[in-house]
Amino acid sequence: MSETRVHLSKSAMGAYRSLEEFSKEVGRIAAEYGVDDRLKELVMLHCSQLNGCSYCVRVHLEKAEAAGITVDEISQIPVWRESGVFADRERAALELAEAHTFIHREGISDDVYHRVGSVLSEQEYVGVSWLAISINAFNRLTIAGRYPVPPKAS
């Protein structure tokens, strides 16, 4: 194989287009189930941060700003447990996003399921879960391909 990484999205366009369509459907369902853009982007950013996906962090940072999430709130996402800037619903979504990102450790524990479920409706739980599943797939794609993230132009 060459020194340059295989660009998975270009090498199998059909699979990538399917992933994009899946992501669009997940977004539609999440919105239908009561997950607004603010909550969606908190989830997308947090999963991407946890996975170390700089490309997806960049993409969702811009979307988060468009959804009205402030710089202060964005900076507090990694420390949401200690921070007082997030509402209970947002805290529940951030916790569920973490559980899905690290699902290989212990699945979705009963404690997390009940704690999050006491705040989010069943539909919101479903919407947030699918968002986390979707962004985790994109994170793996872009991390494996080492998608470049150049400095932003001023």
C-alpha atoms as a PDB file:
ATOM      1  CA  MET A   1       0.000   0.000   0.000  1.00  0.00           C
ATOM      2  CA  SER A   2       1.077   3.574  -0.563  1.00  0.00           C
ATOM      3  CA  GLU A   3       2.298   5.941   2.150  1.00  0.00           C
ATOM      4  CA  THR A   4      -0.815   8.091   1.704  1.00  0.00           C
ATOM      5  CA  ARG A   5      -3.869   6.920   3.610  1.00  0.00           C
ATOM      6  CA  VAL A   6      -6.727   5.369   1.692  1.00  0.00           C
ATOM      7  CA  HIS A   7      -9.554   7.896   1.509  1.00  0.00           C
ATOM      8  CA  LEU A   8     -12.420   5.607   2.496  1.00  0.00           C
ATOM      9  CA  SER A   9     -15.204   7.966   1.464  1.00  0.00           C
ATOM     10  CA  LYS A  10     -13.744   8.343  -2.036  1.00  0.00           C
ATOM     11  CA  SER A  11     -12.721   4.695  -2.368  1.00  0.00           C
ATOM     12  CA  ALA A  12     -16.220   3.343  -1.770  1.00  0.00           C
ATOM     13  CA  MET A  13     -18.572   6.161  -2.708  1.00  0.00           C
ATOM     14  CA  GLY A  14     -21.673   3.979  -2.441  1.00  0.00           C
ATOM     15  CA  ALA A  15     -20.945   3.103   1.165  1.00  0.00           C
ATOM     16  CA  TYR A  16     -20.137   6.724   1.987  1.00  0.00           C
ATOM     17  CA  ARG A  17     -23.330   7.992   0.344  1.00  0.00           C
ATOM     18  CA  SER A  18     -25.280   5.418   2.355  1.00  0.00           C
ATOM     19  CA  LEU A  19     -23.652   6.699   5.541  1.00  0.00           C
ATOM     20  CA  GLU A  20     -24.544  10.273   4.560  1.00  0.00           C
ATOM     21  CA  GLU A  21     -28.169   9.258   3.888  1.00  0.00           C
ATOM     22  CA  PHE A  22     -28.250   7.381   7.200  1.00  0.00           C
ATOM     23  CA  SER A  23     -26.993  10.523   8.942  1.00  0.00           C
ATOM     24  CA  LYS A  24     -29.671  12.666   7.266  1.00  0.00           C
ATOM     25  CA  GLU A  25     -32.389  10.216   8.307  1.00  0.00           C
ATOM     26  CA  VAL A  26     -31.067  10.165  11.874  1.00  0.00           C
ATOM     27  CA  GLY A  27     -31.126  13.976  11.933  1.00  0.00           C
ATOM     28  CA  ARG A  28     -34.684  14.015  10.629  1.00  0.00           C
ATOM     29  CA  ILE A  29     -35.829  11.486  13.234  1.00  0.00           C
ATOM     30  CA  ALA A  30     -34.007  13.281  16.051  1.00  0.00           C
ATOM     31  CA  ALA A  31     -35.704  16.571  15.118  1.00  0.00           C
ATOM     32  CA  GLU A  32     -39.087  14.838  14.846  1.00  0.00           C
ATOM     33  CA  TYR A  33     -38.489  13.330  18.297  1.00  0.00           C
ATOM     34  CA  GLY A  34     -37.826  16.714  19.913  1.00  0.00           C
ATOM     35  CA  VAL A  35     -34.048  17.039  19.686  1.00  0.00           C
ATOM     36  CA  ASP A  36     -33.375  20.644  18.672  1.00  0.00           C
ATOM     37  CA  ASP A  37     -30.258  21.835  16.841  1.00  0.00           C
ATOM     38  CA  ARG A  38     -28.612  23.013  20.060  1.00  0.00           C
ATOM     39  CA  LEU A  39     -28.927  19.607  21.739  1.00  0.00           C
ATOM     40  CA  LYS A  40     -27.926  17.830  18.531  1.00  0.00           C
ATOM     41  CA  GLU A  41     -24.723  19.833  18.167  1.00  0.00           C
ATOM     42  CA  LEU A  42     -23.779  19.373  21.827  1.00  0.00           C
ATOM     43  CA  VAL A  43     -23.985  15.613  21.240  1.00  0.00           C
ATOM     44  CA  MET A  44     -22.090  15.738  17.942  1.00  0.00           C
ATOM     45  CA  LEU A  45     -19.304  17.874  19.392  1.00  0.00           C
ATOM     46  CA  HIS A  46     -18.953  15.831  22.562  1.00  0.00           C
ATOM     47  CA  CYS A  47     -18.711  12.482  20.775  1.00  0.00           C
ATOM     48  CA  SER A  48     -16.200  13.933  18.324  1.00  0.00           C
ATOM     49  CA  GLN A  49     -14.118  15.402  21.163  1.00  0.00           C
ATOM     50  CA  LEU A  50     -14.152  12.096  23.062  1.00  0.00           C
ATOM     51  CA  ASN A  51     -13.055  10.205  19.963  1.00  0.00           C
ATOM     52  CA  GLY A  52     -10.337  12.733  19.162  1.00  0.00           C
ATOM     53  CA  CYS A  53     -11.801  13.495  15.736  1.00  0.00           C
ATOM     54  CA  SER A  54     -10.475  16.954  14.918  1.00  0.00           C
ATOM     55  CA  TYR A  55     -12.191  17.005  11.516  1.00  0.00           C
ATOM     56  CA  CYS A  56     -15.670  16.390  12.966  1.00  0.00           C
ATOM     57  CA  VAL A  57     -15.000  18.784  15.853  1.00  0.00           C
ATOM     58  CA  ARG A  58     -14.314  21.501  13.263  1.00  0.00           C
ATOM     59  CA  VAL A  59     -17.473  20.692  11.299  1.00  0.00           C
ATOM     60  CA  HIS A  60     -19.701  20.595  14.381  1.00  0.00           C
ATOM     61  CA  LEU A  61     -18.093  23.618  16.000  1.00  0.00           C
ATOM     62  CA  GLU A  62     -19.344  25.707  13.094  1.00  0.00           C
ATOM     63  CA  LYS A  63     -22.792  24.092  13.315  1.00  0.00           C
ATOM     64  CA  ALA A  64     -22.861  24.602  17.101  1.00  0.00           C
ATOM     65  CA  GLU A  65     -22.128  28.289  16.682  1.00  0.00           C
ATOM     66  CA  ALA A  66     -24.932  28.519  14.108  1.00  0.00           C
ATOM     67  CA  ALA A  67     -27.256  26.809  16.624  1.00  0.00           C
ATOM     68  CA  GLY A  68     -26.502  29.543  19.161  1.00  0.00           C
ATOM     69  CA  ILE A  69     -24.088  27.653  21.398  1.00  0.00           C
ATOM     70  CA  THR A  70     -21.642  30.154  22.887  1.00  0.00           C
ATOM     71  CA  VAL A  71     -17.857  29.874  22.991  1.00  0.00           C
ATOM     72  CA  ASP A  72     -18.084  29.541  26.772  1.00  0.00           C
ATOM     73  CA  GLU A  73     -20.538  26.646  26.502  1.00  0.00           C
ATOM     74  CA  ILE A  74     -18.404  24.938  23.857  1.00  0.00           C
ATOM     75  CA  SER A  75     -15.361  25.221  26.116  1.00  0.00           C
ATOM     76  CA  GLN A  76     -17.348  23.667  28.980  1.00  0.00           C
ATOM     77  CA  ILE A  77     -18.413  20.522  27.080  1.00  0.00           C
ATOM     78  CA  PRO A  78     -15.369  18.433  28.132  1.00  0.00           C
ATOM     79  CA  VAL A  79     -16.046  19.333  31.787  1.00  0.00           C
ATOM     80  CA  TRP A  80     -19.844  19.285  31.689  1.00  0.00           C
ATOM     81  CA  ARG A  81     -20.125  17.315  34.947  1.00  0.00           C
ATOM     82  CA  GLU A  82     -18.367  20.081  36.888  1.00  0.00           C
ATOM     83  CA  SER A  83     -19.894  22.959  34.923  1.00  0.00           C
ATOM     84  CA  GLY A  84     -23.120  24.747  35.701  1.00  0.00           C
ATOM     85  CA  VAL A  85     -23.751  26.063  32.172  1.00  0.00           C
ATOM     86  CA  PHE A  86     -25.875  23.175  30.902  1.00  0.00           C
ATOM     87  CA  ALA A  87     -29.536  22.442  31.595  1.00  0.00           C
ATOM     88  CA  ASP A  88     -30.527  19.025  32.954  1.00  0.00           C
ATOM     89  CA  ARG A  89     -31.706  17.908  29.512  1.00  0.00           C
ATOM     90  CA  GLU A  90     -28.351  18.854  27.991  1.00  0.00           C
ATOM     91  CA  ARG A  91     -26.451  17.114  30.774  1.00  0.00           C
ATOM     92  CA  ALA A  92     -28.498  13.955  30.187  1.00  0.00           C
ATOM     93  CA  ALA A  93     -27.749  14.086  26.448  1.00  0.00           C
ATOM     94  CA  LEU A  94     -24.024  14.602  27.091  1.00  0.00           C
ATOM     95  CA  GLU A  95     -23.988  11.623  29.454  1.00  0.00           C
ATOM     96  CA  LEU A  96     -25.803   9.434  26.940  1.00  0.00           C
ATOM     97  CA  ALA A  97     -23.423  10.565  24.194  1.00  0.00           C
ATOM     98  CA  GLU A  98     -20.484   9.447  26.372  1.00  0.00           C
ATOM     99  CA  ALA A  99     -22.108   6.108  27.092  1.00  0.00           C
ATOM    100  CA  HIS A 100     -22.568   5.426  23.380  1.00  0.00           C
ATOM    101  CA  THR A 101     -19.041   6.567  22.544  1.00  0.00           C
ATOM    102  CA  PHE A 102     -17.551   4.273  25.189  1.00  0.00           C
ATOM    103  CA  ILE A 103     -20.136   1.511  24.760  1.00  0.00           C
ATOM    104  CA  HIS A 104     -17.332  -1.056  24.515  1.00  0.00           C
ATOM    105  CA  ARG A 105     -16.538  -0.524  28.208  1.00  0.00           C
ATOM    106  CA  GLU A 106     -19.811  -1.492  29.847  1.00  0.00           C
ATOM    107  CA  GLY A 107     -22.600  -0.902  27.393  1.00  0.00           C
ATOM    108  CA  ILE A 108     -25.281   1.516  28.533  1.00  0.00           C
ATOM    109  CA  SER A 109     -25.328   0.806  32.256  1.00  0.00           C
ATOM    110  CA  ASP A 110     -28.619   0.599  34.139  1.00  0.00           C
ATOM    111  CA  ASP A 111     -27.560   3.662  36.152  1.00  0.00           C
ATOM    112  CA  VAL A 112     -27.011   5.744  33.015  1.00  0.00           C
ATOM    113  CA  TYR A 113     -30.173   4.415  31.385  1.00  0.00           C
ATOM    114  CA  HIS A 114     -32.336   5.308  34.379  1.00  0.00           C
ATOM    115  CA  ARG A 115     -30.643   8.639  35.115  1.00  0.00           C
ATOM    116  CA  VAL A 116     -30.875   9.802  31.497  1.00  0.00           C
ATOM    117  CA  GLY A 117     -34.350   8.319  31.105  1.00  0.00           C
ATOM    118  CA  SER A 118     -35.592  10.287  34.099  1.00  0.00           C
ATOM    119  CA  VAL A 119     -34.771  13.513  32.209  1.00  0.00           C
ATOM    120  CA  LEU A 120     -35.199  12.765  28.511  1.00  0.00           C
ATOM    121  CA  SER A 121     -38.443  11.492  27.035  1.00  0.00           C
ATOM    122  CA  GLU A 122     -38.290   8.095  25.370  1.00  0.00           C
ATOM    123  CA  GLN A 123     -38.319   9.792  21.961  1.00  0.00           C
ATOM    124  CA  GLU A 124     -35.514  12.179  22.945  1.00  0.00           C
ATOM    125  CA  TYR A 125     -33.519   9.214  24.264  1.00  0.00           C
ATOM    126  CA  VAL A 126     -33.960   7.479  20.901  1.00  0.00           C
ATOM    127  CA  GLY A 127     -33.030  10.629  18.953  1.00  0.00           C
ATOM    128  CA  VAL A 128     -29.910  11.347  20.993  1.00  0.00           C
ATOM    129  CA  SER A 129     -28.858   7.685  20.818  1.00  0.00           C
ATOM    130  CA  TRP A 130     -29.095   7.594  17.032  1.00  0.00           C
ATOM    131  CA  LEU A 131     -27.210  10.885  16.748  1.00  0.00           C
ATOM    132  CA  ALA A 132     -24.397   9.433  18.866  1.00  0.00           C
ATOM    133  CA  ILE A 133     -24.338   6.236  16.806  1.00  0.00           C
ATOM    134  CA  SER A 134     -24.184   8.236  13.583  1.00  0.00           C
ATOM    135  CA  ILE A 135     -21.412  10.643  14.606  1.00  0.00           C
ATOM    136  CA  ASN A 136     -19.355   7.819  16.096  1.00  0.00           C
ATOM    137  CA  ALA A 137     -19.418   6.140  12.662  1.00  0.00           C
ATOM    138  CA  PHE A 138     -18.271   9.351  10.964  1.00  0.00           C
ATOM    139  CA  ASN A 139     -15.575   9.847  13.609  1.00  0.00           C
ATOM    140  CA  ARG A 140     -14.149   6.425  12.859  1.00  0.00           C
ATOM    141  CA  LEU A 141     -14.168   7.111   9.124  1.00  0.00           C
ATOM    142  CA  THR A 142     -12.342  10.424   9.385  1.00  0.00           C
ATOM    143  CA  ILE A 143      -9.889   9.311  12.075  1.00  0.00           C
ATOM    144  CA  ALA A 144      -8.930   6.223  10.040  1.00  0.00           C
ATOM    145  CA  GLY A 145      -8.363   8.425   6.997  1.00  0.00           C
ATOM    146  CA  ARG A 146      -6.545  11.131   8.955  1.00  0.00           C
ATOM    147  CA  TYR A 147      -8.616  13.845   7.329  1.00  0.00           C
ATOM    148  CA  PRO A 148      -6.617  17.079   7.486  1.00  0.00           C
ATOM    149  CA  VAL A 149      -7.700  20.024   9.606  1.00  0.00           C
ATOM    150  CA  PRO A 150      -5.705  23.065   8.520  1.00  0.00           C
ATOM    151  CA  PRO A 151      -5.740  26.317  10.503  1.00  0.00           C
ATOM    152  CA  LYS A 152      -8.799  28.439   9.816  1.00  0.00           C
ATOM    153  CA  ALA A 153      -8.191  31.539   7.737  1.00  0.00           C
ATOM    154  CA  SER A 154      -8.603  34.720   9.752  1.00  0.00           C
END
